[in-house]
Amino acid sequence: MKRILPLLALALALAPPFARGGQVIDRIVAIVNGHVVLQSEWDDALCFEAFTEGRPLAQLSEQDRAAALDRLIDQELLREQVQAEQMETAPAEEVQKKVEEIRSQHPEAASEQAWKALLASYGLDERKLKARLAQQLALLRQIDVRLRPTVQVDATDIEAYYKNTFLPQMHKAGAADVPLAEVSARIREILTQQKVNDLFTAWMQSLRHESKIHTNVALPSGAGNVGGASQ
């Protein structure tokens, strides 16, 4: 499942936490049901998202920062929900596969030295990257486990998608028709995922409505839903 996890001026994004007398002082940017979200956590989340999406930090906008904070708040709300369920750790091989997938998108980082330098330019190293990916994969799995069993996709839904979406896409690509029976399972999974995503959106809206969320930063007009009751 892809979604995930929820996430201001670029100068603020890249600036270090406030310092006084040589001591670094982090600041609170949001409070979610009493849990503090720090500036450093926000900056780390933004750098991680930019890296996994292959986007230079210098190109991030105020809307990007607001969206990253939004997703960080969503992740905190989700952690509250799955805490009691003893969230399973993502398998090491699954995390490693994700690392290799991301690395393959950076041919300029083929050597170990270049790879480490690329990670460092986003404030990461491989240990931090794996830890964040493991957390992300574990959360996604818990969401899927919770929501997928409630989804129902029947033959009528599959046939409608086949006729109205799948075949037109095949024709547009100049490909020959494929019998419904051959793609039925694939279409079922597509529709299931769409419904899981819809349920997830509604769930997050409900969590935000029931939660106390306060932000201490000014967000660009119309960016995200941070500080509100819905998403």
C-alpha atoms as a PDB file:
ATOM      1  CA  MET A   1       0.000   0.000   0.000  1.00  0.00           C
ATOM      2  CA  LYS A   2       1.265   3.311  -0.904  1.00  0.00           C
ATOM      3  CA  ARG A   3       0.360   6.139   0.854  1.00  0.00           C
ATOM      4  CA  ILE A   4       1.683   6.920   3.537  1.00  0.00           C
ATOM      5  CA  LEU A   5       2.811   8.248   5.685  1.00  0.00           C
ATOM      6  CA  PRO A   6       1.368  12.259   5.849  1.00  0.00           C
ATOM      7  CA  LEU A   7       4.013  14.478   5.472  1.00  0.00           C
ATOM      8  CA  LEU A   8       7.183  26.445   5.044  1.00  0.00           C
ATOM      9  CA  ALA A   9      10.116  28.388   3.989  1.00  0.00           C
ATOM     10  CA  LEU A  10      13.057  26.412   2.619  1.00  0.00           C
ATOM     11  CA  ALA A  11      15.441  28.407   4.762  1.00  0.00           C
ATOM     12  CA  LEU A  12      13.642  27.127   7.849  1.00  0.00           C
ATOM     13  CA  ALA A  13      13.718  23.576   6.472  1.00  0.00           C
ATOM     14  CA  LEU A  14      17.475  23.526   6.065  1.00  0.00           C
ATOM     15  CA  ALA A  15      18.442  25.660   9.055  1.00  0.00           C
ATOM     16  CA  PRO A  16      19.742  23.917  12.183  1.00  0.00           C
ATOM     17  CA  PRO A  17      17.727  24.123  15.411  1.00  0.00           C
ATOM     18  CA  PHE A  18      18.187  27.288  17.417  1.00  0.00           C
ATOM     19  CA  ALA A  19      21.505  27.547  19.242  1.00  0.00           C
ATOM     20  CA  ARG A  20      22.394  29.440  22.389  1.00  0.00           C
ATOM     21  CA  GLY A  21      25.902  29.548  23.761  1.00  0.00           C
ATOM     22  CA  GLY A  22      26.983  26.730  21.446  1.00  0.00           C
ATOM     23  CA  GLN A  23      24.177  24.430  22.643  1.00  0.00           C
ATOM     24  CA  VAL A  24      21.683  23.182  20.073  1.00  0.00           C
ATOM     25  CA  ILE A  25      18.097  23.773  21.140  1.00  0.00           C
ATOM     26  CA  ASP A  26      15.335  21.916  19.296  1.00  0.00           C
ATOM     27  CA  ARG A  27      11.907  23.490  19.119  1.00  0.00           C
ATOM     28  CA  ILE A  28       8.372  22.141  19.209  1.00  0.00           C
ATOM     29  CA  VAL A  29       6.522  22.440  15.882  1.00  0.00           C
ATOM     30  CA  ALA A  30       3.396  20.454  16.774  1.00  0.00           C
ATOM     31  CA  ILE A  31       1.658  18.668  19.626  1.00  0.00           C
ATOM     32  CA  VAL A  32      -0.460  15.624  18.783  1.00  0.00           C
ATOM     33  CA  ASN A  33      -2.625  14.375  21.647  1.00  0.00           C
ATOM     34  CA  GLY A  34       0.038  15.535  24.065  1.00  0.00           C
ATOM     35  CA  HIS A  35       2.941  14.075  22.071  1.00  0.00           C
ATOM     36  CA  VAL A  36       5.565  16.615  21.022  1.00  0.00           C
ATOM     37  CA  VAL A  37       6.782  16.780  17.399  1.00  0.00           C
ATOM     38  CA  LEU A  38      10.151  18.516  17.163  1.00  0.00           C
ATOM     39  CA  GLN A  39      11.709  20.663  14.436  1.00  0.00           C
ATOM     40  CA  SER A  40      14.470  18.061  14.013  1.00  0.00           C
ATOM     41  CA  GLU A  41      11.900  15.304  13.441  1.00  0.00           C
ATOM     42  CA  TRP A  42      10.190  17.437  10.810  1.00  0.00           C
ATOM     43  CA  ASP A  43      13.484  18.205   9.066  1.00  0.00           C
ATOM     44  CA  ASP A  44      14.486  14.518   9.153  1.00  0.00           C
ATOM     45  CA  ALA A  45      11.119  13.454   7.707  1.00  0.00           C
ATOM     46  CA  LEU A  46      11.401  16.013   4.910  1.00  0.00           C
ATOM     47  CA  CYS A  47      14.934  14.899   4.011  1.00  0.00           C
ATOM     48  CA  PHE A  48      13.875  11.236   4.026  1.00  0.00           C
ATOM     49  CA  GLU A  49      10.887  11.901   1.769  1.00  0.00           C
ATOM     50  CA  ALA A  50      12.962  14.013  -0.612  1.00  0.00           C
ATOM     51  CA  PHE A  51      15.609  11.301  -0.818  1.00  0.00           C
ATOM     52  CA  THR A  52      13.203   8.419  -1.471  1.00  0.00           C
ATOM     53  CA  GLU A  53      11.429  10.507  -4.114  1.00  0.00           C
ATOM     54  CA  GLY A  54      14.705  11.532  -5.738  1.00  0.00           C
ATOM     55  CA  ARG A  55      14.065  15.249  -5.235  1.00  0.00           C
ATOM     56  CA  PRO A  56      16.835  17.782  -4.509  1.00  0.00           C
ATOM     57  CA  LEU A  57      16.366  19.562  -1.194  1.00  0.00           C
ATOM     58  CA  ALA A  58      16.873  22.898  -2.907  1.00  0.00           C
ATOM     59  CA  GLN A  59      13.721  22.354  -4.969  1.00  0.00           C
ATOM     60  CA  LEU A  60      11.366  21.788  -2.036  1.00  0.00           C
ATOM     61  CA  SER A  61       8.615  24.367  -1.593  1.00  0.00           C
ATOM     62  CA  GLU A  62       6.649  25.655   1.377  1.00  0.00           C
ATOM     63  CA  GLN A  63       3.807  23.351   0.318  1.00  0.00           C
ATOM     64  CA  ASP A  64       6.217  20.400   0.361  1.00  0.00           C
ATOM     65  CA  ARG A  65       7.226  21.248   3.914  1.00  0.00           C
ATOM     66  CA  ALA A  66       3.625  21.643   5.031  1.00  0.00           C
ATOM     67  CA  ALA A  67       2.694  18.301   3.452  1.00  0.00           C
ATOM     68  CA  ALA A  68       5.635  16.605   5.188  1.00  0.00           C
ATOM     69  CA  LEU A  69       4.498  17.939   8.570  1.00  0.00           C
ATOM     70  CA  ASP A  70       0.963  16.801   7.773  1.00  0.00           C
ATOM     71  CA  ARG A  71       2.182  13.260   7.104  1.00  0.00           C
ATOM     72  CA  LEU A  72       4.355  13.336  10.237  1.00  0.00           C
ATOM     73  CA  ILE A  73       1.251  14.123  12.283  1.00  0.00           C
ATOM     74  CA  ASP A  74      -0.647  11.318  10.538  1.00  0.00           C
ATOM     75  CA  GLN A  75       2.164   8.900  11.402  1.00  0.00           C
ATOM     76  CA  GLU A  76       1.948   9.897  15.051  1.00  0.00           C
ATOM     77  CA  LEU A  77      -1.811   9.307  15.038  1.00  0.00           C
ATOM     78  CA  LEU A  78      -1.257   5.894  13.447  1.00  0.00           C
ATOM     79  CA  ARG A  79       1.421   4.940  15.967  1.00  0.00           C
ATOM     80  CA  GLU A  80      -1.071   5.639  18.737  1.00  0.00           C
ATOM     81  CA  GLN A  81      -3.512   3.228  17.114  1.00  0.00           C
ATOM     82  CA  VAL A  82      -1.129   0.321  16.538  1.00  0.00           C
ATOM     83  CA  GLN A  83       0.903   0.628  19.731  1.00  0.00           C
ATOM     84  CA  ALA A  84      -1.234  -1.855  21.632  1.00  0.00           C
ATOM     85  CA  GLU A  85      -1.182  -4.326  18.745  1.00  0.00           C
ATOM     86  CA  GLN A  86       2.558  -5.064  19.161  1.00  0.00           C
ATOM     87  CA  MET A  87       3.504  -3.967  15.669  1.00  0.00           C
ATOM     88  CA  GLU A  88       5.651  -6.556  13.916  1.00  0.00           C
ATOM     89  CA  THR A  89       9.092  -5.601  12.672  1.00  0.00           C
ATOM     90  CA  ALA A  90       9.457  -5.528   8.902  1.00  0.00           C
ATOM     91  CA  PRO A  91      11.598  -8.476   7.677  1.00  0.00           C
ATOM     92  CA  ALA A  92      15.221  -7.522   7.052  1.00  0.00           C
ATOM     93  CA  GLU A  93      15.090  -8.908   3.513  1.00  0.00           C
ATOM     94  CA  GLU A  94      12.072  -6.732   2.720  1.00  0.00           C
ATOM     95  CA  VAL A  95      13.869  -3.647   4.016  1.00  0.00           C
ATOM     96  CA  GLN A  96      17.015  -4.533   2.059  1.00  0.00           C
ATOM     97  CA  LYS A  97      14.976  -5.023  -1.112  1.00  0.00           C
ATOM     98  CA  LYS A  98      13.529  -1.529  -0.657  1.00  0.00           C
ATOM     99  CA  VAL A  99      17.010  -0.073  -0.139  1.00  0.00           C
ATOM    100  CA  GLU A 100      18.219  -1.723  -3.346  1.00  0.00           C
ATOM    101  CA  GLU A 101      15.152  -0.458  -5.202  1.00  0.00           C
ATOM    102  CA  ILE A 102      15.881   3.113  -4.097  1.00  0.00           C
ATOM    103  CA  ARG A 103      19.586   2.772  -4.849  1.00  0.00           C
ATOM    104  CA  SER A 104      18.858   1.518  -8.379  1.00  0.00           C
ATOM    105  CA  GLN A 105      17.174   4.860  -9.049  1.00  0.00           C
ATOM    106  CA  HIS A 106      20.528   6.604  -8.478  1.00  0.00           C
ATOM    107  CA  PRO A 107      22.998   5.305 -11.087  1.00  0.00           C
ATOM    108  CA  GLU A 108      25.356   8.091 -10.050  1.00  0.00           C
ATOM    109  CA  ALA A 109      25.751   6.313  -6.695  1.00  0.00           C
ATOM    110  CA  ALA A 110      26.943   2.952  -8.005  1.00  0.00           C
ATOM    111  CA  SER A 111      30.069   2.875  -5.846  1.00  0.00           C
ATOM    112  CA  GLU A 112      29.901   2.566  -2.068  1.00  0.00           C
ATOM    113  CA  GLN A 113      31.635   5.896  -1.650  1.00  0.00           C
ATOM    114  CA  ALA A 114      29.190   7.691  -3.958  1.00  0.00           C
ATOM    115  CA  TRP A 115      26.218   6.003  -2.258  1.00  0.00           C
ATOM    116  CA  LYS A 116      27.384   7.098   1.194  1.00  0.00           C
ATOM    117  CA  ALA A 117      27.979  10.622  -0.065  1.00  0.00           C
ATOM    118  CA  LEU A 118      24.486  10.778  -1.562  1.00  0.00           C
ATOM    119  CA  LEU A 119      22.921   9.598   1.687  1.00  0.00           C
ATOM    120  CA  ALA A 120      24.975  12.105   3.672  1.00  0.00           C
ATOM    121  CA  SER A 121      23.781  14.960   1.457  1.00  0.00           C
ATOM    122  CA  TYR A 122      20.274  14.237   2.820  1.00  0.00           C
ATOM    123  CA  GLY A 123      21.448  13.821   6.406  1.00  0.00           C
ATOM    124  CA  LEU A 124      21.213  10.027   6.177  1.00  0.00           C
ATOM    125  CA  ASP A 125      23.375   6.945   6.344  1.00  0.00           C
ATOM    126  CA  GLU A 126      22.368   3.400   5.488  1.00  0.00           C
ATOM    127  CA  ARG A 127      21.517   2.547   9.095  1.00  0.00           C
ATOM    128  CA  LYS A 128      19.132   5.504   9.385  1.00  0.00           C
ATOM    129  CA  LEU A 129      17.645   4.754   5.976  1.00  0.00           C
ATOM    130  CA  LYS A 130      16.931   1.136   6.901  1.00  0.00           C
ATOM    131  CA  ALA A 131      15.428   2.146  10.245  1.00  0.00           C
ATOM    132  CA  ARG A 132      13.031   4.604   8.576  1.00  0.00           C
ATOM    133  CA  LEU A 133      12.087   2.149   5.839  1.00  0.00           C
ATOM    134  CA  ALA A 134      11.467  -0.585   8.417  1.00  0.00           C
ATOM    135  CA  GLN A 135       9.174   1.725  10.386  1.00  0.00           C
ATOM    136  CA  GLN A 136       7.333   2.767   7.235  1.00  0.00           C
ATOM    137  CA  LEU A 137       6.858  -0.820   6.023  1.00  0.00           C
ATOM    138  CA  ALA A 138       5.663  -1.957   9.459  1.00  0.00           C
ATOM    139  CA  LEU A 139       3.057   0.831   9.605  1.00  0.00           C
ATOM    140  CA  LEU A 140       1.848   0.064   6.089  1.00  0.00           C
ATOM    141  CA  ARG A 141       1.492  -3.604   6.966  1.00  0.00           C
ATOM    142  CA  GLN A 142      -0.555  -2.804  10.051  1.00  0.00           C
ATOM    143  CA  ILE A 143      -2.833  -0.541   8.022  1.00  0.00           C
ATOM    144  CA  ASP A 144      -3.329  -3.284   5.436  1.00  0.00           C
ATOM    145  CA  VAL A 145      -4.030  -5.910   8.099  1.00  0.00           C
ATOM    146  CA  ARG A 146      -6.613  -3.660   9.709  1.00  0.00           C
ATOM    147  CA  LEU A 147      -8.438  -2.468   6.593  1.00  0.00           C
ATOM    148  CA  ARG A 148      -8.123  -5.136   3.881  1.00  0.00           C
ATOM    149  CA  PRO A 149     -10.449  -7.693   5.575  1.00  0.00           C
ATOM    150  CA  THR A 150     -13.296  -5.156   5.453  1.00  0.00           C
ATOM    151  CA  VAL A 151     -13.043  -4.703   1.673  1.00  0.00           C
ATOM    152  CA  GLN A 152     -15.369  -6.530  -0.706  1.00  0.00           C
ATOM    153  CA  VAL A 153     -14.867  -6.658  -4.488  1.00  0.00           C
ATOM    154  CA  ASP A 154     -17.409  -8.662  -6.479  1.00  0.00           C
ATOM    155  CA  ALA A 155     -17.537  -9.908 -10.058  1.00  0.00           C
ATOM    156  CA  THR A 156     -19.649  -6.932 -11.138  1.00  0.00           C
ATOM    157  CA  ASP A 157     -16.982  -4.491  -9.930  1.00  0.00           C
ATOM    158  CA  ILE A 158     -14.277  -6.418 -11.766  1.00  0.00           C
ATOM    159  CA  GLU A 159     -16.217  -6.587 -15.029  1.00  0.00           C
ATOM    160  CA  ALA A 160     -17.050  -2.868 -14.888  1.00  0.00           C
ATOM    161  CA  TYR A 161     -13.385  -1.954 -14.368  1.00  0.00           C
ATOM    162  CA  TYR A 162     -12.386  -4.296 -17.196  1.00  0.00           C
ATOM    163  CA  LYS A 163     -14.797  -2.690 -19.664  1.00  0.00           C
ATOM    164  CA  ASN A 164     -14.560   0.930 -18.573  1.00  0.00           C
ATOM    165  CA  THR A 165     -10.899   1.261 -17.579  1.00  0.00           C
ATOM    166  CA  PHE A 166      -8.716  -1.721 -18.446  1.00  0.00           C
ATOM    167  CA  LEU A 167      -9.729  -2.242 -22.091  1.00  0.00           C
ATOM    168  CA  PRO A 168      -9.646   1.500 -22.945  1.00  0.00           C
ATOM    169  CA  GLN A 169      -6.124   1.676 -21.520  1.00  0.00           C
ATOM    170  CA  MET A 170      -5.076  -1.336 -23.617  1.00  0.00           C
ATOM    171  CA  HIS A 171      -6.566   0.203 -26.757  1.00  0.00           C
ATOM    172  CA  LYS A 172      -4.853   3.535 -26.077  1.00  0.00           C
ATOM    173  CA  ALA A 173      -1.524   1.732 -25.780  1.00  0.00           C
ATOM    174  CA  GLY A 174      -2.184  -0.102 -29.061  1.00  0.00           C
ATOM    175  CA  ALA A 175      -2.209  -3.492 -27.347  1.00  0.00           C
ATOM    176  CA  ALA A 176      -4.456  -6.426 -28.160  1.00  0.00           C
ATOM    177  CA  ASP A 177      -7.388  -7.274 -25.896  1.00  0.00           C
ATOM    178  CA  VAL A 178      -6.728  -9.640 -23.025  1.00  0.00           C
ATOM    179  CA  PRO A 179      -9.543 -11.968 -21.848  1.00  0.00           C
ATOM    180  CA  LEU A 180     -11.147 -10.948 -18.562  1.00  0.00           C
ATOM    181  CA  ALA A 181     -10.302 -14.317 -17.018  1.00  0.00           C
ATOM    182  CA  GLU A 182      -6.578 -13.655 -17.456  1.00  0.00           C
ATOM    183  CA  VAL A 183      -6.596 -10.304 -15.685  1.00  0.00           C
ATOM    184  CA  SER A 184      -9.399 -10.810 -13.177  1.00  0.00           C
ATOM    185  CA  ALA A 185      -7.052 -11.390 -10.224  1.00  0.00           C
ATOM    186  CA  ARG A 186      -4.980  -8.343 -11.116  1.00  0.00           C
ATOM    187  CA  ILE A 187      -8.089  -6.160 -11.384  1.00  0.00           C
ATOM    188  CA  ARG A 188      -9.393  -7.499  -8.070  1.00  0.00           C
ATOM    189  CA  GLU A 189      -6.151  -6.418  -6.374  1.00  0.00           C
ATOM    190  CA  ILE A 190      -6.280  -2.969  -8.006  1.00  0.00           C
ATOM    191  CA  LEU A 191      -9.855  -2.422  -6.832  1.00  0.00           C
ATOM    192  CA  THR A 192      -9.063  -3.795  -3.375  1.00  0.00           C
ATOM    193  CA  GLN A 193      -6.153  -1.384  -3.039  1.00  0.00           C
ATOM    194  CA  GLN A 194      -8.307   1.532  -4.149  1.00  0.00           C
ATOM    195  CA  LYS A 195     -10.899   0.691  -1.519  1.00  0.00           C
ATOM    196  CA  VAL A 196      -8.226   0.249   1.156  1.00  0.00           C
ATOM    197  CA  ASN A 197      -6.929   3.714   0.273  1.00  0.00           C
ATOM    198  CA  ASP A 198     -10.437   5.169   0.526  1.00  0.00           C
ATOM    199  CA  LEU A 199     -10.938   3.519   3.919  1.00  0.00           C
ATOM    200  CA  PHE A 200      -7.563   4.807   5.057  1.00  0.00           C
ATOM    201  CA  THR A 201      -8.465   8.379   4.095  1.00  0.00           C
ATOM    202  CA  ALA A 202     -11.762   8.145   5.984  1.00  0.00           C
ATOM    203  CA  TRP A 203      -9.988   6.624   8.995  1.00  0.00           C
ATOM    204  CA  MET A 204      -7.445   9.438   9.107  1.00  0.00           C
ATOM    205  CA  GLN A 205     -10.212  12.018   8.864  1.00  0.00           C
ATOM    206  CA  SER A 206     -11.905  10.375  11.828  1.00  0.00           C
ATOM    207  CA  LEU A 207      -8.670  10.236  13.865  1.00  0.00           C
ATOM    208  CA  ARG A 208      -7.967  13.899  13.203  1.00  0.00           C
ATOM    209  CA  HIS A 209     -11.518  14.850  14.155  1.00  0.00           C
ATOM    210  CA  GLU A 210     -11.148  13.008  17.462  1.00  0.00           C
ATOM    211  CA  SER A 211      -7.638  14.270  18.223  1.00  0.00           C
ATOM    212  CA  LYS A 212      -6.115  17.402  19.715  1.00  0.00           C
ATOM    213  CA  ILE A 213      -3.576  18.767  17.230  1.00  0.00           C
ATOM    214  CA  HIS A 214      -1.771  22.052  17.690  1.00  0.00           C
ATOM    215  CA  THR A 215       0.976  23.478  15.462  1.00  0.00           C
ATOM    216  CA  ASN A 216       3.423  26.239  16.327  1.00  0.00           C
ATOM    217  CA  VAL A 217       4.364  27.153  12.754  1.00  0.00           C
ATOM    218  CA  ALA A 218       2.730  29.252  10.069  1.00  0.00           C
ATOM    219  CA  LEU A 219       1.648  27.153   7.096  1.00  0.00           C
ATOM    220  CA  PRO A 220       1.026  28.370   3.537  1.00  0.00           C
ATOM    221  CA  SER A 221      -2.602  29.015   2.674  1.00  0.00           C
ATOM    222  CA  GLY A 222      -4.412  25.885   1.510  1.00  0.00           C
ATOM    223  CA  ALA A 223      -1.477  23.567   2.258  1.00  0.00           C
ATOM    224  CA  GLY A 224      -2.396  20.358   4.039  1.00  0.00           C
ATOM    225  CA  ASN A 225      -4.670  20.096   7.037  1.00  0.00           C
ATOM    226  CA  VAL A 226      -2.218  20.468   9.858  1.00  0.00           C
ATOM    227  CA  GLY A 227      -3.773  21.885  12.961  1.00  0.00           C
ATOM    228  CA  GLY A 228      -7.269  21.060  11.734  1.00  0.00           C
ATOM    229  CA  ALA A 229      -9.627  18.262  12.539  1.00  0.00           C
ATOM    230  CA  SER A 230      -9.714  16.545   9.185  1.00  0.00           C
ATOM    231  CA  GLN A 231      -7.572  15.490   6.309  1.00  0.00           C
END
